[in-house]
C-alpha atoms as a PDB file:
ATOM      1  CA  MET A   1      18.412  -8.568  -3.689  1.00  0.00           C
ATOM      2  CA  VAL A   2      18.374  -5.070  -2.841  1.00  0.00           C
ATOM      3  CA  VAL A   3      17.473  -1.975  -4.836  1.00  0.00           C
ATOM      4  CA  ARG A   4      17.771   1.843  -5.117  1.00  0.00           C
ATOM      5  CA  PHE A   5      14.897   4.088  -5.827  1.00  0.00           C
ATOM      6  CA  GLY A   6      16.572   7.359  -7.039  1.00  0.00           C
ATOM      7  CA  ILE A   7      14.518   9.228  -4.313  1.00  0.00           C
ATOM      8  CA  GLY A   8      16.764  11.457  -2.047  1.00  0.00           C
ATOM      9  CA  TRP A   9      15.084  10.807   1.166  1.00  0.00           C
ATOM     10  CA  ILE A  10      14.283   7.415   0.641  1.00  0.00           C
ATOM     11  CA  ASP A  11      18.099   6.494   0.089  1.00  0.00           C
ATOM     12  CA  GLU A  12      19.102   8.563   2.717  1.00  0.00           C
ATOM     13  CA  ILE A  13      17.372   6.229   5.309  1.00  0.00           C
ATOM     14  CA  LEU A  14      18.096   2.899   3.092  1.00  0.00           C
ATOM     15  CA  PRO A  15      21.852   3.388   2.374  1.00  0.00           C
ATOM     16  CA  LYS A  16      22.473   0.281   0.710  1.00  0.00           C
ATOM     17  CA  GLY A  17      18.959   0.125  -0.937  1.00  0.00           C
ATOM     18  CA  PHE A  18      15.614  -1.789  -0.100  1.00  0.00           C
ATOM     19  CA  PRO A  19      15.361  -5.426  -0.108  1.00  0.00           C
ATOM     20  CA  THR A  20      13.251  -6.829  -2.755  1.00  0.00           C
ATOM     21  CA  ASN A  21      10.532  -9.737  -2.351  1.00  0.00           C
ATOM     22  CA  THR A  22      10.063  -8.498   1.457  1.00  0.00           C
ATOM     23  CA  SER A  23       6.815  -7.388   2.857  1.00  0.00           C
ATOM     24  CA  THR A  24       6.773  -3.931   4.767  1.00  0.00           C
ATOM     25  CA  LEU A  25       4.151  -2.622   6.886  1.00  0.00           C
ATOM     26  CA  VAL A  26       4.092   1.041   7.527  1.00  0.00           C
ATOM     27  CA  SER A  27       1.816   1.505  10.438  1.00  0.00           C
ATOM     28  CA  GLY A  28       0.463   4.851  12.348  1.00  0.00           C
ATOM     29  CA  PRO A  29      -2.457   6.643  13.558  1.00  0.00           C
ATOM     30  CA  GLY A  30      -5.294   8.192  11.286  1.00  0.00           C
ATOM     31  CA  GLY A  31      -4.202  11.326   9.446  1.00  0.00           C
ATOM     32  CA  SER A  32      -0.599  10.653   9.413  1.00  0.00           C
ATOM     33  CA  GLY A  33      -0.027  10.516   5.473  1.00  0.00           C
ATOM     34  CA  LYS A  34       0.769   6.492   5.186  1.00  0.00           C
ATOM     35  CA  PRO A  35      -0.612   6.057   1.747  1.00  0.00           C
ATOM     36  CA  LEU A  36       1.801   8.372   0.315  1.00  0.00           C
ATOM     37  CA  VAL A  37       4.601   6.762   1.795  1.00  0.00           C
ATOM     38  CA  GLY A  38       3.442   3.909  -0.099  1.00  0.00           C
ATOM     39  CA  TYR A  39       3.085   5.549  -3.553  1.00  0.00           C
ATOM     40  CA  MET A  40       6.282   7.547  -3.051  1.00  0.00           C
ATOM     41  CA  PHE A  41       7.801   3.756  -2.775  1.00  0.00           C
ATOM     42  CA  ALA A  42       5.933   3.086  -5.691  1.00  0.00           C
ATOM     43  CA  SER A  43       6.878   6.026  -7.696  1.00  0.00           C
ATOM     44  CA  GLY A  44      10.581   5.049  -7.133  1.00  0.00           C
ATOM     45  CA  TRP A  45       9.773   1.363  -8.162  1.00  0.00           C
ATOM     46  CA  LEU A  46       8.275   2.084 -11.299  1.00  0.00           C
ATOM     47  CA  LYS A  47      10.743   4.252 -12.523  1.00  0.00           C
ATOM     48  CA  ASN A  48      12.772   1.648 -12.471  1.00  0.00           C
ATOM     49  CA  SER A  49      11.319  -0.343 -14.980  1.00  0.00           C
ATOM     50  CA  ARG A  50       9.507  -2.316 -12.681  1.00  0.00           C
ATOM     51  CA  ASN A  51       5.822  -3.263 -12.082  1.00  0.00           C
ATOM     52  CA  VAL A  52       3.022  -2.149  -9.304  1.00  0.00           C
ATOM     53  CA  VAL A  53       0.079  -3.300  -8.160  1.00  0.00           C
ATOM     54  CA  PHE A  54      -2.321  -0.877  -6.488  1.00  0.00           C
ATOM     55  CA  LEU A  55      -4.791  -2.084  -3.995  1.00  0.00           C
ATOM     56  CA  LEU A  56      -7.047   0.828  -3.957  1.00  0.00           C
ATOM     57  CA  THR A  57      -9.282   1.211  -0.185  1.00  0.00           C
ATOM     58  CA  SER A  58     -10.219   4.244   0.702  1.00  0.00           C
ATOM     59  CA  THR A  59      -9.024   6.191  -2.458  1.00  0.00           C
ATOM     60  CA  THR A  60     -10.212   6.688  -5.832  1.00  0.00           C
ATOM     61  CA  LEU A  61      -8.252   5.616  -8.700  1.00  0.00           C
ATOM     62  CA  GLU A  62      -8.907   9.404 -10.290  1.00  0.00           C
ATOM     63  CA  TYR A  63      -7.331  10.329  -6.725  1.00  0.00           C
ATOM     64  CA  LEU A  64      -4.591   8.097  -6.853  1.00  0.00           C
ATOM     65  CA  ARG A  65      -3.613   9.156 -10.495  1.00  0.00           C
ATOM     66  CA  ASN A  66      -3.820  12.786  -9.508  1.00  0.00           C
ATOM     67  CA  THR A  67      -1.890  12.448  -6.523  1.00  0.00           C
ATOM     68  CA  MET A  68       1.032  10.235  -8.361  1.00  0.00           C
ATOM     69  CA  LYS A  69       1.413  12.935 -10.904  1.00  0.00           C
ATOM     70  CA  LEU A  70       1.983  15.481  -7.946  1.00  0.00           C
ATOM     71  CA  LEU A  71       4.639  13.265  -6.864  1.00  0.00           C
ATOM     72  CA  GLY A  72       6.581  13.291 -10.276  1.00  0.00           C
ATOM     73  CA  THR A  73       4.677   9.863 -11.812  1.00  0.00           C
ATOM     74  CA  ASN A  74       2.381   9.893 -14.535  1.00  0.00           C
ATOM     75  CA  LEU A  75       1.119   6.593 -14.391  1.00  0.00           C
ATOM     76  CA  ASP A  76      -0.167   7.261 -18.214  1.00  0.00           C
ATOM     77  CA  ASP A  77       3.673   6.386 -19.003  1.00  0.00           C
ATOM     78  CA  TYR A  78       3.349   3.325 -17.475  1.00  0.00           C
ATOM     79  CA  TYR A  79       0.740   1.109 -19.364  1.00  0.00           C
ATOM     80  CA  GLY A  80       1.273  -2.396 -19.249  1.00  0.00           C
ATOM     81  CA  ARG A  81       3.340  -2.158 -15.682  1.00  0.00           C
ATOM     82  CA  VAL A  82       0.162  -0.865 -13.543  1.00  0.00           C
ATOM     83  CA  PHE A  83      -2.737  -3.042 -12.583  1.00  0.00           C
ATOM     84  CA  PHE A  84      -5.529  -1.375 -10.110  1.00  0.00           C
ATOM     85  CA  ILE A  85      -7.717  -3.337  -7.771  1.00  0.00           C
ATOM     86  CA  GLU A  86     -10.183  -1.071  -6.628  1.00  0.00           C
ATOM     87  CA  LEU A  87     -12.259  -2.528  -3.567  1.00  0.00           C
ATOM     88  CA  ASP A  88     -16.104  -2.530  -3.839  1.00  0.00           C
ATOM     89  CA  PRO A  89     -18.047  -4.410  -1.162  1.00  0.00           C
ATOM     90  CA  MET A  90     -21.037  -4.142  -3.163  1.00  0.00           C
ATOM     91  CA  VAL A  91     -19.863  -6.643  -5.969  1.00  0.00           C
ATOM     92  CA  ASP A  92     -19.962 -10.148  -5.118  1.00  0.00           C
ATOM     93  CA  ASP A  93     -16.479 -10.753  -6.684  1.00  0.00           C
ATOM     94  CA  ILE A  94     -14.614  -9.269  -9.390  1.00  0.00           C
ATOM     95  CA  GLU A  95     -15.754  -6.731 -12.461  1.00  0.00           C
ATOM     96  CA  PRO A  96     -13.409  -6.082 -14.946  1.00  0.00           C
ATOM     97  CA  VAL A  97     -13.579  -2.176 -15.441  1.00  0.00           C
ATOM     98  CA  ASP A  98     -10.849  -2.307 -17.964  1.00  0.00           C
ATOM     99  CA  ASP A  99      -7.676  -4.785 -18.666  1.00  0.00           C
ATOM    100  CA  THR A 100      -6.011  -2.397 -15.915  1.00  0.00           C
ATOM    101  CA  HIS A 101      -8.416  -2.219 -13.698  1.00  0.00           C
ATOM    102  CA  VAL A 102     -10.684  -4.397 -11.800  1.00  0.00           C
ATOM    103  CA  LYS A 103     -13.573  -3.583  -8.496  1.00  0.00           C
ATOM    104  CA  ALA A 104     -12.849  -6.191  -6.692  1.00  0.00           C
ATOM    105  CA  ASN A 105     -14.722  -7.386  -2.822  1.00  0.00           C
ATOM    106  CA  PHE A 106     -11.506  -8.192  -1.331  1.00  0.00           C
ATOM    107  CA  VAL A 107     -12.806  -7.958   1.756  1.00  0.00           C
ATOM    108  CA  LYS A 108     -13.059 -11.814   1.244  1.00  0.00           C
ATOM    109  CA  PRO A 109      -9.947 -13.878   1.403  1.00  0.00           C
ATOM    110  CA  GLY A 110     -10.701 -15.842  -1.717  1.00  0.00           C
ATOM    111  CA  VAL A 111     -11.047 -12.775  -4.111  1.00  0.00           C
ATOM    112  CA  TRP A 112      -8.205 -11.180  -2.646  1.00  0.00           C
ATOM    113  CA  ASP A 113      -5.970 -14.186  -4.102  1.00  0.00           C
ATOM    114  CA  GLU A 114      -8.194 -13.954  -7.694  1.00  0.00           C
ATOM    115  CA  ALA A 115      -7.549 -10.138  -7.767  1.00  0.00           C
ATOM    116  CA  LEU A 116      -4.255 -10.886  -7.490  1.00  0.00           C
ATOM    117  CA  SER A 117      -3.786 -13.631  -9.602  1.00  0.00           C
ATOM    118  CA  LEU A 118      -5.415 -11.621 -12.716  1.00  0.00           C
ATOM    119  CA  ALA A 119      -2.819  -8.848 -12.013  1.00  0.00           C
ATOM    120  CA  ASN A 120      -0.780 -11.490 -11.913  1.00  0.00           C
ATOM    121  CA  VAL A 121      -1.601 -12.379 -16.122  1.00  0.00           C
ATOM    122  CA  TYR A 122      -1.937  -8.852 -17.173  1.00  0.00           C
ATOM    123  CA  LEU A 123       2.164  -7.949 -15.861  1.00  0.00           C
ATOM    124  CA  SER A 124       3.154 -10.855 -17.296  1.00  0.00           C
ATOM    125  CA  ASN A 125       3.087  -9.406 -20.505  1.00  0.00           C
ATOM    126  CA  THR A 126       5.581  -6.638 -19.223  1.00  0.00           C
ATOM    127  CA  PRO A 127       8.102  -9.058 -17.129  1.00  0.00           C
ATOM    128  CA  SER A 128      10.135  -7.533 -14.600  1.00  0.00           C
ATOM    129  CA  GLU A 129      13.084  -9.430 -13.355  1.00  0.00           C
ATOM    130  CA  LEU A 130      12.149  -8.493  -9.655  1.00  0.00           C
ATOM    131  CA  GLY A 131       8.450  -8.621 -10.023  1.00  0.00           C
ATOM    132  CA  ALA A 132       5.783  -6.522  -9.046  1.00  0.00           C
ATOM    133  CA  MET A 133       5.229  -4.494  -5.992  1.00  0.00           C
ATOM    134  CA  VAL A 134       1.797  -4.644  -4.200  1.00  0.00           C
ATOM    135  CA  VAL A 135       0.882  -1.243  -2.579  1.00  0.00           C
ATOM    136  CA  GLY A 136      -2.714  -0.966  -0.629  1.00  0.00           C
ATOM    137  CA  ALA A 137      -3.314   1.548   2.149  1.00  0.00           C
ATOM    138  CA  ALA A 138      -5.625   1.465   5.264  1.00  0.00           C
ATOM    139  CA  LEU A 139      -6.023  -2.249   5.210  1.00  0.00           C
ATOM    140  CA  ASN A 140      -7.376  -2.959   8.450  1.00  0.00           C
ATOM    141  CA  LEU A 141     -10.432  -1.131   7.263  1.00  0.00           C
ATOM    142  CA  LEU A 142     -10.950  -4.666   5.994  1.00  0.00           C
ATOM    143  CA  PHE A 143     -11.552  -5.948   9.665  1.00  0.00           C
ATOM    144  CA  PHE A 144     -14.863  -4.676   9.987  1.00  0.00           C
ATOM    145  CA  SER A 145     -16.499  -7.125   8.463  1.00  0.00           C
ATOM    146  CA  PRO A 146     -18.013  -9.441  10.915  1.00  0.00           C
ATOM    147  CA  THR A 147     -17.959 -12.499   8.366  1.00  0.00           C
ATOM    148  CA  TYR A 148     -14.562 -11.826   6.679  1.00  0.00           C
ATOM    149  CA  GLY A 149     -13.029  -9.593   9.173  1.00  0.00           C
ATOM    150  CA  LYS A 150     -10.818 -12.600  10.747  1.00  0.00           C
ATOM    151  CA  ALA A 151     -10.410 -14.472   7.848  1.00  0.00           C
ATOM    152  CA  ILE A 152      -8.976 -11.427   5.786  1.00  0.00           C
ATOM    153  CA  HIS A 153      -6.610 -10.594   8.797  1.00  0.00           C
ATOM    154  CA  GLU A 154      -5.009 -14.194   8.705  1.00  0.00           C
ATOM    155  CA  LYS A 155      -4.793 -13.905   5.068  1.00  0.00           C
ATOM    156  CA  ILE A 156      -3.251 -10.507   5.140  1.00  0.00           C
ATOM    157  CA  LYS A 157      -0.809 -11.859   7.826  1.00  0.00           C
ATOM    158  CA  GLY A 158       0.106 -14.921   5.908  1.00  0.00           C
ATOM    159  CA  VAL A 159       1.059 -12.363   2.927  1.00  0.00           C
ATOM    160  CA  LEU A 160       3.418 -10.777   5.449  1.00  0.00           C
ATOM    161  CA  SER A 161       5.139 -13.520   6.644  1.00  0.00           C
ATOM    162  CA  ALA A 162       5.444 -15.899   3.895  1.00  0.00           C
ATOM    163  CA  ASP A 163       4.740 -14.615   0.499  1.00  0.00           C
ATOM    164  CA  LYS A 164       7.680 -13.799  -0.682  1.00  0.00           C
ATOM    165  CA  THR A 165       6.609 -13.728  -4.861  1.00  0.00           C
ATOM    166  CA  LYS A 166       6.119 -10.223  -4.268  1.00  0.00           C
ATOM    167  CA  THR A 167       7.163  -7.387  -2.878  1.00  0.00           C
ATOM    168  CA  TYR A 168       4.461  -5.884  -0.759  1.00  0.00           C
ATOM    169  CA  PHE A 169       4.192  -2.431   0.566  1.00  0.00           C
ATOM    170  CA  LEU A 170       0.846  -2.196   2.866  1.00  0.00           C
ATOM    171  CA  THR A 171      -0.139   0.324   5.484  1.00  0.00           C
ATOM    172  CA  VAL A 172      -2.210   0.101   8.669  1.00  0.00           C
ATOM    173  CA  ASN A 173      -4.145   2.656  10.763  1.00  0.00           C
ATOM    174  CA  THR A 174      -3.574   2.013  14.705  1.00  0.00           C
ATOM    175  CA  ASP A 175      -6.338   3.870  15.628  1.00  0.00           C
ATOM    176  CA  VAL A 176      -8.868   0.892  15.509  1.00  0.00           C
ATOM    177  CA  PHE A 177      -8.068  -3.070  15.885  1.00  0.00           C
ATOM    178  CA  ARG A 178      -5.149  -2.502  18.021  1.00  0.00           C
ATOM    179  CA  ASP A 179      -4.345  -6.122  18.396  1.00  0.00           C
ATOM    180  CA  MET A 180      -4.872  -6.992  15.164  1.00  0.00           C
ATOM    181  CA  VAL A 181      -2.546  -4.474  13.726  1.00  0.00           C
ATOM    182  CA  GLU A 182      -0.098  -5.487  16.070  1.00  0.00           C
ATOM    183  CA  ASP A 183       0.078  -9.019  15.152  1.00  0.00           C
ATOM    184  CA  LEU A 184       0.771  -7.663  11.350  1.00  0.00           C
ATOM    185  CA  GLU A 185       3.376  -5.319  13.061  1.00  0.00           C
ATOM    186  CA  ARG A 186       5.529  -8.235  14.471  1.00  0.00           C
ATOM    187  CA  VAL A 187       5.083 -10.646  11.019  1.00  0.00           C
ATOM    188  CA  ALA A 188       6.177  -8.434   8.505  1.00  0.00           C
ATOM    189  CA  ASP A 189       9.950  -8.228   7.426  1.00  0.00           C
ATOM    190  CA  ASN A 190       9.922  -4.292   7.446  1.00  0.00           C
ATOM    191  CA  LEU A 191       8.356  -2.251   9.539  1.00  0.00           C
ATOM    192  CA  MET A 192       7.962   1.181   9.493  1.00  0.00           C
ATOM    193  CA  PHE A 193       6.262   3.629  11.974  1.00  0.00           C
ATOM    194  CA  SER A 194       4.280   7.458  10.747  1.00  0.00           C
ATOM    195  CA  ARG A 195       3.873  10.502  12.421  1.00  0.00           C
ATOM    196  CA  MET A 196       2.607  13.905  11.786  1.00  0.00           C
ATOM    197  CA  GLU A 197       3.631  17.089  14.105  1.00  0.00           C
ATOM    198  CA  LYS A 198       2.567  20.452  13.756  1.00  0.00           C
ATOM    199  CA  PRO A 199       2.142  22.505  11.545  1.00  0.00           C
ATOM    200  CA  MET A 200       1.703  19.373   9.098  1.00  0.00           C
ATOM    201  CA  LYS A 201       4.531  17.616   8.672  1.00  0.00           C
ATOM    202  CA  LEU A 202       5.418  14.065   7.924  1.00  0.00           C
ATOM    203  CA  PHE A 203       7.537  11.769   9.614  1.00  0.00           C
ATOM    204  CA  LEU A 204       8.885   8.258   9.161  1.00  0.00           C
ATOM    205  CA  ARG A 205      10.814   6.044  11.150  1.00  0.00           C
ATOM    206  CA  ILE A 206      12.291   2.805  10.553  1.00  0.00           C
ATOM    207  CA  GLU A 207      12.003  -0.049  13.263  1.00  0.00           C
ATOM    208  CA  ARG A 208      13.269  -2.843  10.867  1.00  0.00           C
ATOM    209  CA  ILE A 209      14.417  -3.862   7.478  1.00  0.00           C
ATOM    210  CA  LYS A 210      15.454  -7.211   6.370  1.00  0.00           C
ATOM    211  CA  GLY A 211      18.849  -7.508   4.972  1.00  0.00           C
ATOM    212  CA  ALA A 212      19.521  -3.999   4.772  1.00  0.00           C
ATOM    213  CA  PRO A 213      21.165  -1.271   6.743  1.00  0.00           C
ATOM    214  CA  PHE A 214      19.096   1.406   7.457  1.00  0.00           C
ATOM    215  CA  GLU A 215      18.838   4.886   9.599  1.00  0.00           C
ATOM    216  CA  ARG A 216      16.761   4.351  12.857  1.00  0.00           C
ATOM    217  CA  LYS A 217      16.095   8.117  13.105  1.00  0.00           C
ATOM    218  CA  GLY A 218      12.966   9.709  11.843  1.00  0.00           C
ATOM    219  CA  VAL A 219      13.145  11.563   8.917  1.00  0.00           C
ATOM    220  CA  GLU A 220      10.746  14.277   7.657  1.00  0.00           C
ATOM    221  CA  VAL A 221       8.833  13.485   3.818  1.00  0.00           C
ATOM    222  CA  PRO A 222       9.398  15.844   1.986  1.00  0.00           C
ATOM    223  CA  LEU A 223       5.717  16.541   1.143  1.00  0.00           C
ATOM    224  CA  SER A 224       3.689  19.654   0.952  1.00  0.00           C
ATOM    225  CA  ARG A 225       1.257  21.013   3.623  1.00  0.00           C
ATOM    226  CA  ASP A 226      -1.650  21.052   0.545  1.00  0.00           C
ATOM    227  CA  ILE A 227      -0.966  17.038  -0.830  1.00  0.00           C
ATOM    228  CA  LEU A 228      -0.854  15.957   3.393  1.00  0.00           C
ATOM    229  CA  GLU A 229      -4.365  17.410   3.824  1.00  0.00           C
ATOM    230  CA  GLU A 230      -5.710  16.443   0.777  1.00  0.00           C
ATOM    231  CA  ILE A 231      -4.773  12.698   1.290  1.00  0.00           C
ATOM    232  CA  ARG A 232      -6.549  13.304   4.770  1.00  0.00           C
ATOM    233  CA  ARG A 233      -9.588  14.387   3.472  1.00  0.00           C
ATOM    234  CA  GLU A 234      -9.865  11.792   0.745  1.00  0.00           C
ATOM    235  CA  THR A 235      -9.461   9.027   3.057  1.00  0.00           C
ATOM    236  CA  GLU A 236     -11.593  10.216   5.694  1.00  0.00           C
ATOM    237  CA  ARG A 237     -14.317  10.259   2.898  1.00  0.00           C
ATOM    238  CA  GLY A 238     -13.428   6.848   1.884  1.00  0.00           C
ATOM    239  CA  LYS A 239     -13.830   5.954   5.603  1.00  0.00           C
ATOM    240  CA  ARG A 240     -17.414   7.575   5.754  1.00  0.00           C
ATOM    241  CA  ASN A 241     -18.556   5.454   2.818  1.00  0.00           C
ATOM    242  CA  LEU A 242     -16.489   2.182   2.792  1.00  0.00           C
ATOM    243  CA  ILE A 243     -17.032   1.359   6.759  1.00  0.00           C
ATOM    244  CA  PRO A 244     -20.932   0.984   6.785  1.00  0.00           C
ATOM    245  CA  ALA A 245     -21.068  -1.692   3.816  1.00  0.00           C
ATOM    246  CA  ILE A 246     -17.821  -3.576   5.225  1.00  0.00           C
ATOM    247  CA  LYS A 247     -19.736  -4.017   8.207  1.00  0.00           C
ATOM    248  CA  ARG A 248     -22.870  -5.170   6.417  1.00  0.00           C
ATOM    249  CA  LEU A 249     -20.324  -7.882   5.024  1.00  0.00           C
END
């Protein structure tokens, strides 16, 4: 099944719609706005009465809420349809924050599965015929773990290649672990590349889409310079705090 998002630039590059129950990987260098692309797809998904699970790696929940508002989506309006899994490498496995939010050490593959299972239970109270979209950014940061890095890479690779129970929209940074990133690029159903051009303009190009037509030309993502600069600052802050902690796992 394909769905349309009702967002002009997305509908332009996906004229017949976006394929559900597929995996999407957005790949690009640091600072190229990849999380924002995921948030915009999530916004369109939510506005069509669907559910979203946010995997928060290098950004905080407060930042996500504020950014989604800037993109025209108040997450408070979708209570029951959103679930937040916030990476915390300092906890053993999972710590509940409230009924919609857990902190989880999903550097560990087993915790990844457990956290998504909790999301499934919560979202089952507000079922959607298309299931949930799982949106996660900067997932290659998990590969810094000397103990779990290779295992979580294999977990994500398996999710992208074989898990059709959800619609996955994940992003990775090509600046580190290039070989591991290329493995993920090869197995994802849908592959997109982001780039940033001066003066602070974000472009997205689709390399492939499973079972739906698409425009191959790159398109400028209509985001203000302020939003693009803030996401870059936020992700840099997140990386400075997270990488040392993940390297100790």
